[in-house]
Protein backbone atom coordinates (compact mmCIF):
# COMPACT_ATOMS: atom_id res chain seq x y z
CA MET A 1 -25.25 23.41 16.52
CA GLN A 2 -22.16 23.90 14.38
CA PRO A 3 -21.27 27.49 13.36
CA THR A 4 -21.86 28.35 9.71
CA LEU A 5 -20.50 30.80 7.17
CA GLY A 6 -22.71 31.48 4.18
CA GLY A 7 -24.69 28.31 4.89
CA ALA A 8 -21.64 26.02 4.98
CA GLU A 9 -20.67 24.42 8.29
CA LEU A 10 -17.31 25.54 9.63
CA MET A 11 -14.88 22.78 10.44
CA THR A 12 -13.35 22.27 13.87
CA ALA A 13 -10.56 20.17 15.36
CA THR A 14 -13.24 17.60 16.24
CA ASP A 15 -14.24 17.39 12.56
CA PHE A 16 -10.58 17.10 11.52
CA ARG A 17 -10.12 14.22 13.96
CA ARG A 18 -13.35 12.47 12.89
CA ILE A 19 -12.47 12.68 9.20
CA ALA A 20 -8.80 11.68 9.66
CA LEU A 21 -9.82 8.59 11.63
CA SER A 22 -12.40 7.59 8.99
CA PHE A 23 -9.71 6.39 6.56
CA GLU A 24 -8.72 2.73 6.46
CA GLY A 25 -6.00 1.89 8.97
CA ALA A 26 -5.89 5.40 10.44
CA HIS A 27 -5.29 5.78 14.16
CA GLU A 28 -4.58 8.59 16.56
CA GLY A 29 -1.23 9.17 18.19
CA SER A 30 0.73 11.95 19.80
CA HIS A 31 3.90 13.66 18.67
CA MET A 32 5.65 16.25 20.82
CA GLY A 33 2.45 16.75 22.82
CA ALA A 34 0.22 17.25 19.78
CA MET A 35 -2.49 14.98 18.41
CA ASP A 36 -1.48 13.26 15.18
CA PHE A 37 -3.02 10.80 12.76
CA ARG A 38 -1.11 7.84 11.40
CA VAL A 39 -1.41 4.94 9.04
CA ASP A 40 0.95 1.98 9.54
CA GLY A 41 2.66 3.98 12.28
CA ARG A 42 3.54 6.97 10.06
CA ILE A 43 2.01 10.46 10.39
CA PHE A 44 -0.18 11.89 7.62
CA ALA A 45 -1.81 14.79 9.52
CA THR A 46 -1.62 16.59 12.87
CA LEU A 47 -3.42 19.06 15.04
CA ALA A 48 -0.13 20.55 16.25
CA SER A 49 -1.29 24.06 15.27
CA VAL A 50 -4.91 23.78 16.39
CA LYS A 51 -4.49 26.63 18.89
CA ASP A 52 -3.84 28.87 15.87
CA GLY A 53 -6.87 27.48 14.04
CA TYR A 54 -5.00 25.09 11.74
CA GLY A 55 -4.83 21.44 10.96
CA ASN A 56 -1.60 20.22 9.33
CA LEU A 57 -1.29 17.99 6.27
CA MET A 58 1.81 16.01 5.37
CA ILE A 59 1.84 16.41 1.58
CA THR A 60 4.50 16.96 -1.07
CA PRO A 61 5.90 20.40 -1.93
CA GLU A 62 4.32 20.05 -5.39
CA LEU A 63 0.87 19.35 -3.97
CA GLN A 64 1.33 22.17 -1.49
CA VAL A 65 1.92 24.61 -4.36
CA ALA A 66 -1.20 23.32 -6.17
CA PHE A 67 -3.38 23.48 -3.03
CA ILE A 68 -2.26 27.05 -2.27
CA ALA A 69 -2.69 28.17 -5.89
CA ASP A 70 -6.24 26.77 -5.89
CA ARG A 71 -7.28 28.02 -2.43
CA PRO A 72 -4.88 30.63 -0.96
CA ASP A 73 -7.61 31.53 1.53
CA LEU A 74 -7.55 27.99 2.92
CA PHE A 75 -4.01 26.58 2.64
CA LEU A 76 -0.60 27.95 3.59
CA PRO A 77 2.81 26.38 4.19
CA VAL A 78 3.92 25.70 7.74
CA HIS A 79 6.74 28.14 8.57
CA GLY A 80 10.37 27.16 8.04
CA GLY A 81 11.83 23.89 6.89
CA TRP A 82 8.70 21.85 7.56
CA GLY A 83 6.78 24.01 5.10
CA ARG A 84 9.51 23.68 2.48
CA MET A 85 9.12 19.89 2.82
CA GLY A 86 5.39 20.19 2.01
CA ILE A 87 3.83 20.34 5.47
CA THR A 88 0.76 22.50 4.93
CA HIS A 89 -1.71 24.28 7.21
CA ILE A 90 -5.41 24.15 6.46
CA ARG A 91 -7.50 26.90 8.05
CA LEU A 92 -10.24 24.96 9.83
CA ALA A 93 -12.65 27.91 10.10
CA GLU A 94 -12.47 28.40 6.31
CA ALA A 95 -12.80 24.74 5.35
CA ASP A 96 -15.98 22.90 4.47
CA GLU A 97 -16.55 19.17 4.97
CA ASP A 98 -15.83 18.17 1.37
CA THR A 99 -12.62 20.20 1.09
CA LEU A 100 -11.30 19.03 4.46
CA THR A 101 -12.14 15.43 3.60
CA GLY A 102 -10.39 15.72 0.22
CA ALA A 103 -7.28 17.32 1.70
CA LEU A 104 -7.00 14.74 4.48
CA HIS A 105 -7.61 11.91 2.01
CA THR A 106 -4.77 13.23 -0.16
CA ALA A 107 -2.38 13.25 2.82
CA TRP A 108 -3.54 9.76 3.92
CA LYS A 109 -3.16 8.34 0.40
CA LEU A 110 0.36 9.78 0.03
CA ARG A 111 1.38 8.19 3.33
CA VAL A 112 -0.08 4.81 2.32
CA GLU A 113 1.83 4.96 -0.99
CA LYS A 114 5.09 5.94 0.76
CA ASN A 115 4.62 3.11 3.25
CA ARG A 116 4.13 0.62 0.41
CA LYS A 117 7.24 1.84 -1.41
CA ALA A 118 9.29 1.66 1.78
CA GLY A 119 8.07 -1.92 2.35
CA ARG A 120 9.04 -2.93 -1.18
CA LYS A 121 12.50 -1.39 -0.75
CA ARG A 122 13.06 -3.35 2.46
CA SER A 123 11.94 -6.62 0.93
CA ALA A 124 13.88 -5.97 -2.29
CA SER A 125 17.07 -5.19 -0.37
CA SER A 126 16.81 -8.42 1.59
CA LYS A 127 16.57 -10.49 -1.64
CA GLY A 128 20.26 -10.11 -2.37
CA LYS A 129 21.31 -11.46 1.02
CA PRO A 130 22.07 -15.14 1.40
CA ALA A 131 19.45 -17.15 3.24
CA ALA A 132 20.19 -18.00 6.83
CA LYS A 133 21.22 -21.58 7.35
CA SER A 134 18.72 -23.75 9.09
CA LYS A 135 19.84 -25.11 12.47
CA SER A 136 18.44 -28.49 11.51
CA ALA A 137 20.49 -28.71 8.30
CA LYS A 138 22.89 -31.64 8.29
CA PRO A 139 26.56 -30.88 7.61
CA ARG A 140 27.98 -32.40 4.44
């Protein structure tokens, strides 16, 4: 049985993993010895701080500010430069299923959008390059 607080089930690293992997295209990886969750090969969340009771979300600094303002009991920036870039802890023992799902979905969606933009940039930058000549083309 899962521990509860005021009737709500407390979230664990297992729940974090289950929810993160429920999103389309999500898969598990490892980064510097910590479990991470990726879409199209890029990280959107990690369990790098699970020993301290946190999951980590890769969100924007602006979203981080909004998350913390809304739930300072639940969210806090990761220390140092990572935190200034938007990497945010979520306290697993304070989270409920809906909040954890929403936070992970936000991180996943941001990563998907960044991946799409990066793909468009690559394809747009290749448009200005001349096409490679075919080996079967006849010389004139």
